[in-house]
Amino acid sequence: MSGTTTRNRIFDVLLGDYGALIGIPDLVFDDSNRVTLGFDGIVITMEAVDEVAGLVLTSEIDVPTDTSFEDLRARLLQGAVQLFRTGHGFVGLDFVIEAMVWTNRVTVGGLAASVLHRQIQEAILSIGLWQDFIHRRQPEAAGADEIDALSNTFIRV
């Protein structure tokens, strides 16, 4: 491996198996232990952290340019706790890259490529729901049913 950092071989085997499963047999991590994949307009970066933290999935949430900080904060308060409470990631503001970011961890011990695939499908759904939630309407107009949809419509693994 010719990277600037090292990682456990389990990550490379898992990513190789996952790549073969989705039709990208040469899928590999870059020198920063990351790989970025796009799914119907949703971009997810997977980072191989370590055996304890596992894979960290992240995706920027597209926020309309005319969204005020107050509206953004209200949307985060409405949906983030529910999403985190149900184990489907977390959304927050990343001040380094100045973006709203969805993130979640995937433990890799004994993880099969098919299970990783389902977890990535769940991530895509979660990120898509957040995109819809941010773009639909003012946060005070969102009802409890819509907030519950952020946690109740996920693919269960």
Protein backbone atom coordinates (compact mmCIF):
# COMPACT_ATOMS: atom_id res chain seq x y z
CA MET A 1 0.00 0.00 0.00
CA SER A 2 1.51 3.31 -1.03
CA GLY A 3 -0.41 5.76 1.10
CA THR A 4 0.61 8.44 3.51
CA THR A 5 -1.31 6.70 6.29
CA THR A 6 -1.83 3.06 7.12
CA ARG A 7 -5.07 1.21 7.73
CA ASN A 8 -6.06 -2.27 8.70
CA ARG A 9 -6.43 -4.64 5.77
CA ILE A 10 -10.04 -5.32 6.80
CA PHE A 11 -11.01 -1.94 5.28
CA ASP A 12 -9.43 -2.76 1.92
CA VAL A 13 -11.04 -6.21 1.79
CA LEU A 14 -14.45 -4.79 2.71
CA LEU A 15 -14.21 -1.96 0.15
CA GLY A 16 -13.01 -4.38 -2.53
CA ASP A 17 -15.94 -6.72 -1.82
CA TYR A 18 -18.35 -3.79 -1.79
CA GLY A 19 -16.92 -2.48 -5.07
CA ALA A 20 -17.37 -5.89 -6.69
CA LEU A 21 -20.95 -6.00 -5.38
CA ILE A 22 -21.86 -2.64 -6.96
CA GLY A 23 -19.94 -3.18 -10.19
CA ILE A 24 -16.79 -1.17 -9.40
CA PRO A 25 -14.22 -3.94 -8.84
CA ASP A 26 -11.26 -1.55 -8.63
CA LEU A 27 -12.76 0.61 -5.84
CA VAL A 28 -9.97 1.62 -3.43
CA PHE A 29 -9.27 4.15 -0.71
CA ASP A 30 -7.08 7.13 -1.61
CA ASP A 31 -3.91 8.12 0.27
CA SER A 32 -6.06 9.82 2.93
CA ASN A 33 -8.03 6.61 3.58
CA ARG A 34 -11.10 8.04 1.81
CA VAL A 35 -13.26 7.08 -1.13
CA THR A 36 -16.05 9.25 -2.54
CA LEU A 37 -19.10 7.80 -4.26
CA GLY A 38 -22.04 9.49 -5.98
CA PHE A 39 -25.59 8.12 -5.98
CA ASP A 40 -28.27 10.04 -7.91
CA GLY A 41 -26.91 13.45 -6.93
CA ILE A 42 -25.92 12.45 -3.38
CA VAL A 43 -22.19 12.33 -2.71
CA ILE A 44 -20.95 10.23 0.20
CA THR A 45 -17.36 10.08 1.39
CA MET A 46 -16.30 6.97 3.30
CA GLU A 47 -13.24 7.31 5.50
CA ALA A 48 -11.47 4.32 7.04
CA VAL A 49 -10.63 5.66 10.50
CA ASP A 50 -9.62 2.71 12.67
CA GLU A 51 -10.99 -0.60 13.94
CA VAL A 52 -12.85 1.11 16.80
CA ALA A 53 -14.39 4.05 14.94
CA GLY A 54 -14.82 2.01 11.76
CA LEU A 55 -15.89 3.74 8.58
CA VAL A 56 -17.12 7.29 8.85
CA LEU A 57 -19.65 8.29 6.19
CA THR A 58 -20.16 11.99 5.45
CA SER A 59 -22.19 14.00 2.97
CA GLU A 60 -22.78 17.71 2.56
CA ILE A 61 -26.44 18.71 2.69
CA ASP A 62 -27.32 21.19 -0.04
CA VAL A 63 -28.74 24.30 1.61
CA PRO A 64 -30.54 26.95 -0.46
CA THR A 65 -28.42 30.10 -0.67
CA ASP A 66 -31.24 32.28 0.63
CA THR A 67 -31.63 30.27 3.87
CA SER A 68 -30.97 32.41 6.92
CA PHE A 69 -28.90 31.11 9.81
CA GLU A 70 -32.01 31.24 12.03
CA ASP A 71 -33.98 29.04 9.61
CA LEU A 72 -31.09 26.62 9.33
CA ARG A 73 -30.76 26.40 13.10
CA ALA A 74 -34.50 25.77 13.48
CA ARG A 75 -34.39 22.96 10.94
CA LEU A 76 -31.42 21.38 12.70
CA LEU A 77 -33.19 21.56 16.04
CA GLN A 78 -36.32 20.00 14.57
CA GLY A 79 -34.71 17.06 12.87
CA ALA A 80 -31.22 16.32 14.15
CA VAL A 81 -32.12 14.96 17.56
CA GLN A 82 -34.75 12.63 16.12
CA LEU A 83 -32.34 11.34 13.48
CA PHE A 84 -29.51 10.82 15.97
CA ARG A 85 -31.82 9.24 18.57
CA THR A 86 -32.89 6.57 16.10
CA GLY A 87 -29.32 5.76 15.08
CA HIS A 88 -29.45 7.13 11.54
CA GLY A 89 -26.59 9.54 11.65
CA PHE A 90 -26.30 13.12 12.71
CA VAL A 91 -26.53 16.45 10.93
CA GLY A 92 -24.61 19.49 12.03
CA LEU A 93 -22.85 22.59 10.82
CA ASP A 94 -19.21 22.15 9.88
CA PHE A 95 -17.63 25.57 10.29
CA VAL A 96 -14.35 24.47 8.69
CA ILE A 97 -15.95 23.80 5.31
CA GLU A 98 -18.93 26.11 6.02
CA ALA A 99 -21.56 23.51 5.23
CA MET A 100 -24.34 21.45 6.74
CA VAL A 101 -23.01 17.90 6.95
CA TRP A 102 -24.67 14.52 7.56
CA THR A 103 -22.40 11.92 9.17
CA ASN A 104 -22.58 8.41 10.59
CA ARG A 105 -20.24 5.63 11.68
CA VAL A 106 -20.23 2.06 10.42
CA THR A 107 -18.51 -0.57 12.57
CA VAL A 108 -16.51 -2.92 10.40
CA GLY A 109 -15.82 -5.94 12.62
CA GLY A 110 -17.39 -8.91 10.81
CA LEU A 111 -19.21 -6.61 8.38
CA ALA A 112 -20.09 -8.14 5.01
CA ALA A 113 -20.22 -6.11 1.80
CA SER A 114 -23.97 -6.77 1.50
CA VAL A 115 -24.58 -5.23 4.93
CA LEU A 116 -22.39 -2.24 4.08
CA HIS A 117 -24.44 -1.85 0.89
CA ARG A 118 -27.69 -1.74 2.91
CA GLN A 119 -26.16 0.78 5.32
CA ILE A 120 -25.10 2.99 2.43
CA GLN A 121 -28.62 2.72 0.96
CA GLU A 122 -29.95 3.82 4.34
CA ALA A 123 -27.49 6.73 4.35
CA ILE A 124 -28.66 7.78 0.88
CA LEU A 125 -32.27 7.74 2.08
CA SER A 126 -31.40 9.72 5.21
CA ILE A 127 -29.43 12.33 3.25
CA GLY A 128 -32.23 12.58 0.67
CA LEU A 129 -34.80 13.15 3.40
CA TRP A 130 -32.63 15.91 4.84
CA GLN A 131 -32.27 17.51 1.40
CA ASP A 132 -36.07 17.47 1.03
CA PHE A 133 -36.59 18.75 4.57
CA ILE A 134 -34.21 21.69 4.03
CA HIS A 135 -35.68 22.65 0.65
CA ARG A 136 -39.40 22.16 1.20
CA ARG A 137 -40.64 25.01 3.34
CA GLN A 138 -40.04 27.15 6.37
CA PRO A 139 -39.17 25.03 9.42
CA GLU A 140 -42.08 26.25 11.52
CA ALA A 141 -44.44 24.89 8.83
CA ALA A 142 -43.08 21.36 9.15
CA GLY A 143 -45.38 19.14 11.14
CA ALA A 144 -44.56 16.40 13.62
CA ASP A 145 -45.35 13.74 11.01
CA GLU A 146 -42.73 15.19 8.67
CA ILE A 147 -40.14 15.23 11.46
CA ASP A 148 -40.99 11.61 12.33
CA ALA A 149 -40.47 10.70 8.66
CA LEU A 150 -36.79 11.49 9.13
CA SER A 151 -36.53 8.52 11.49
CA ASN A 152 -39.34 6.15 10.52
CA THR A 153 -38.77 5.56 6.81
CA PHE A 154 -35.32 4.03 6.92
CA ILE A 155 -34.26 0.67 5.62
CA ARG A 156 -33.61 -1.49 8.67
CA VAL A 157 -30.38 -3.48 8.67
